[in-house]
Protein backbone atom coordinates (compact mmCIF):
# COMPACT_ATOMS: atom_id res chain seq x y z
CA MET A 1 0.28 -0.30 0.10
CA ARG A 2 3.00 2.64 0.90
CA MET A 3 3.79 1.99 -2.98
CA PHE A 4 0.81 3.58 -3.92
CA LYS A 5 0.70 6.36 -1.88
CA THR A 6 4.30 8.62 -2.88
CA PRO A 7 3.69 8.62 -6.69
CA VAL A 8 0.22 9.95 -4.97
CA VAL A 9 1.32 12.52 -3.24
CA ILE A 10 2.95 13.36 -5.84
CA LEU A 11 1.06 14.27 -8.29
CA ALA A 12 -1.48 15.87 -6.23
CA LEU A 13 1.35 18.27 -4.74
CA VAL A 14 1.96 18.62 -9.27
CA LEU A 15 -1.26 19.57 -9.92
CA TRP A 16 -2.38 21.62 -6.73
CA PHE A 17 0.48 23.55 -7.04
CA THR A 18 0.20 23.97 -11.85
CA ALA A 19 -3.48 24.44 -10.72
CA CYS A 20 -2.80 27.78 -8.75
CA ALA A 21 -0.27 29.24 -11.24
CA PRO A 22 -2.25 31.51 -14.12
CA PRO A 23 -2.56 30.67 -17.57
CA PRO A 24 0.75 32.58 -19.36
CA THR A 25 -1.40 35.49 -21.20
CA ALA A 26 0.33 37.46 -24.20
CA SER A 27 -0.82 41.52 -23.03
CA PRO A 28 -1.17 43.41 -26.59
CA PHE A 29 0.27 46.15 -26.75
CA ILE A 30 -2.33 49.19 -27.16
CA PRO A 31 -0.62 52.35 -27.64
CA PRO A 32 -1.17 55.47 -25.30
CA GLN A 33 -4.01 57.74 -26.87
CA SER A 34 -4.26 61.28 -25.63
CA ILE A 35 -7.73 63.51 -26.97
CA THR A 36 -6.52 67.15 -28.33
CA SER A 37 -8.60 70.59 -27.66
CA SER A 38 -10.53 69.87 -30.62
CA GLY A 39 -11.30 66.48 -29.73
CA THR A 40 -8.93 64.26 -32.29
CA THR A 41 -7.54 61.49 -30.44
CA VAL A 42 -3.81 61.26 -31.32
CA VAL A 43 -1.97 58.13 -31.46
CA ALA A 44 1.39 57.47 -29.88
CA GLN A 45 3.94 56.48 -32.63
CA TYR A 46 6.82 54.01 -31.80
CA THR A 47 10.07 55.36 -32.85
CA PRO A 48 12.43 52.48 -32.97
CA PRO A 49 16.15 54.22 -31.39
CA PRO A 50 19.07 55.16 -33.16
CA GLN A 51 20.85 52.04 -34.32
CA PRO A 52 25.29 52.02 -33.71
CA THR A 53 27.29 53.01 -36.64
CA SER A 54 30.51 51.14 -35.64
CA ILE A 55 31.88 49.14 -32.26
CA GLY A 56 34.66 50.80 -31.04
CA ASN A 57 36.57 51.65 -34.24
CA THR A 58 35.02 49.01 -36.13
CA PRO A 59 32.04 49.83 -38.81
CA ILE A 60 29.94 47.91 -38.54
CA PRO A 61 28.07 47.54 -42.87
CA SER A 62 24.53 49.47 -43.64
CA VAL A 63 21.82 47.29 -44.12
CA ASN A 64 19.60 48.10 -47.52
CA GLN A 65 16.14 48.86 -45.76
CA ASN A 66 14.60 48.65 -49.53
CA THR A 67 15.37 45.19 -50.14
CA PRO A 68 12.67 43.45 -50.47
CA SER A 69 12.38 40.22 -48.23
CA ILE A 70 12.52 37.01 -49.63
CA LEU A 71 9.80 36.18 -47.20
CA ALA A 72 7.35 38.84 -48.80
CA SER A 73 7.80 39.14 -52.06
CA CYS A 74 5.85 35.81 -54.42
CA VAL A 75 5.89 35.08 -58.62
CA ASN A 76 2.62 35.80 -60.43
CA SER A 77 1.60 32.79 -62.68
CA LEU A 78 -1.35 31.93 -64.89
CA HIS A 79 -1.19 28.85 -66.94
CA PHE A 80 -3.85 28.44 -69.04
CA VAL A 81 -5.21 24.09 -69.27
CA GLU A 82 -8.46 23.84 -71.07
CA ASP A 83 -11.79 25.21 -72.97
CA VAL A 84 -14.39 23.74 -70.38
CA SER A 85 -17.21 25.41 -72.33
CA PHE A 86 -17.78 26.55 -75.94
CA PRO A 87 -15.43 24.78 -77.82
CA ASP A 88 -13.11 27.76 -79.50
CA GLY A 89 -14.38 28.08 -83.77
CA SER A 90 -17.50 27.40 -83.28
CA MET A 91 -20.62 28.94 -85.36
CA VAL A 92 -23.19 30.94 -83.47
CA ARG A 93 -25.78 33.12 -84.81
CA SER A 94 -26.56 36.50 -84.33
CA GLY A 95 -27.49 37.72 -80.77
CA GLU A 96 -26.34 34.35 -79.53
CA ARG A 97 -25.20 34.53 -75.65
CA ILE A 98 -22.18 32.12 -75.29
CA GLU A 99 -20.80 31.54 -71.83
CA LYS A 100 -16.97 31.13 -72.01
CA ILE A 101 -15.57 29.29 -69.69
CA TRP A 102 -12.32 28.47 -68.71
CA ARG A 103 -10.63 26.34 -67.43
CA VAL A 104 -6.38 27.87 -65.41
CA GLU A 105 -3.64 27.05 -62.99
CA ASN A 106 -2.26 29.86 -60.36
CA ASN A 107 1.26 28.04 -61.22
CA GLY A 108 2.89 31.11 -59.60
CA THR A 109 3.19 31.45 -56.01
CA CYS A 110 0.32 34.51 -55.26
CA GLY A 111 -2.30 33.96 -53.71
CA TRP A 112 -5.18 35.59 -56.11
CA ASP A 113 -7.36 37.64 -53.99
CA THR A 114 -10.22 40.44 -54.96
CA GLN A 115 -7.48 43.09 -56.36
CA TYR A 116 -6.46 40.95 -59.23
CA ARG A 117 -8.86 41.43 -62.68
CA ILE A 118 -8.39 40.01 -66.08
CA ARG A 119 -8.77 41.76 -68.59
CA LEU A 120 -9.95 42.67 -72.11
CA VAL A 121 -6.23 42.83 -73.92
CA ASN A 122 -7.50 42.57 -77.61
CA GLY A 123 -10.11 42.34 -79.67
CA ASP A 124 -13.97 42.51 -79.50
CA GLN A 125 -15.09 43.07 -76.64
CA LEU A 126 -18.60 41.02 -77.46
CA GLY A 127 -20.57 42.58 -74.85
CA ALA A 128 -19.12 41.65 -71.78
CA PRO A 129 -17.11 44.11 -69.05
CA ALA A 130 -13.66 45.33 -70.53
CA GLU A 131 -12.66 44.61 -66.86
CA LEU A 132 -13.41 41.97 -64.04
CA ALA A 133 -12.53 40.17 -60.44
CA LEU A 134 -10.26 36.87 -61.34
CA TYR A 135 -11.54 34.34 -58.73
CA PRO A 136 -9.55 33.53 -56.36
CA ALA A 137 -6.94 31.11 -56.01
CA ARG A 138 -3.91 29.89 -54.02
CA PRO A 139 -0.30 28.83 -55.21
CA GLY A 140 -0.44 25.38 -56.94
CA THR A 141 -4.71 25.11 -58.17
CA GLN A 142 -7.45 25.86 -60.51
CA ALA A 143 -9.76 28.32 -61.09
CA ASP A 144 -13.12 28.21 -64.18
CA LEU A 145 -13.32 31.56 -65.36
CA ARG A 146 -15.99 32.51 -66.65
CA ILE A 147 -17.47 35.35 -69.02
CA ILE A 148 -21.09 35.61 -71.04
CA PHE A 149 -20.70 37.50 -74.64
CA ILE A 150 -23.22 38.20 -77.04
CA ALA A 151 -22.86 37.23 -80.67
CA PRO A 152 -22.07 40.46 -82.67
CA SER A 153 -24.95 40.57 -85.65
CA GLU A 154 -22.32 41.55 -88.16
CA SER A 155 -22.15 37.95 -90.31
CA ARG A 156 -17.62 37.26 -89.55
CA THR A 157 -15.03 35.89 -87.17
CA TYR A 158 -14.69 37.18 -83.75
CA LEU A 159 -11.64 37.34 -81.14
CA SER A 160 -11.43 38.29 -78.02
CA THR A 161 -7.91 38.14 -76.40
CA TRP A 162 -8.21 37.97 -71.74
CA GLN A 163 -5.38 38.64 -70.18
CA ALA A 164 -4.76 38.61 -65.77
CA TYR A 165 -3.56 41.60 -63.30
CA ASP A 166 -2.01 41.28 -60.60
CA ASN A 167 -3.06 43.96 -57.58
CA LYS A 168 -0.46 45.96 -58.93
CA GLY A 169 -1.75 46.18 -61.90
CA LEU A 170 1.21 44.03 -63.69
CA ALA A 171 -0.51 41.78 -66.68
CA PHE A 172 1.09 38.58 -66.03
CA GLY A 173 0.73 34.98 -66.92
CA ASP A 174 -1.03 33.13 -70.24
CA PRO A 175 -3.14 34.94 -72.11
CA PHE A 176 -7.00 33.05 -72.80
CA TYR A 177 -9.38 33.90 -75.45
CA ILE A 178 -12.66 32.66 -76.99
CA ASN A 179 -12.96 32.57 -81.01
CA PHE A 180 -16.15 32.01 -82.83
CA SER A 181 -17.73 32.88 -86.11
CA VAL A 182 -21.94 34.78 -86.76
CA GLN A 183 -24.18 32.69 -89.35
CA SER A 184 -25.50 35.08 -91.69
CA PRO A 185 -28.50 34.37 -90.79
């Protein structure tokens, strides 16, 4: 019976000490605020202390603060995979509604968010907006891009070319297009 008492007593002491200790919590930094006579709230700004330029007589090399971090940079890329609907080269009637879906892959390292766009870059607008949101996609995933077009009344072949643009307005990736002919009535 004595063999079981010692571990039970030790376990009870460990539980008692840990139960009495407050749990560790991180307290967020909240800058002090003051209200001016005009009612405007002023928030204190942190200014880092000046960095030493030398240790004794040995100069410390400076670091270029404008160099982007490798962790902060990413590469935008879009790879056209396939036409999901409406094969290129199809014949349509004047005024026909055309739903075109392209499957693309985000083969870059940047995620596409709501600031990413697709834009008409060449050819006919065909009743579609000239710019639309690019479907959000994480790197390595595929997305289906869908645009509704309206076939014009003139009998001829039409081409509409589109391109992805990043959140800074720079074009990237493979262009994708729709190509069809309107039949005469």
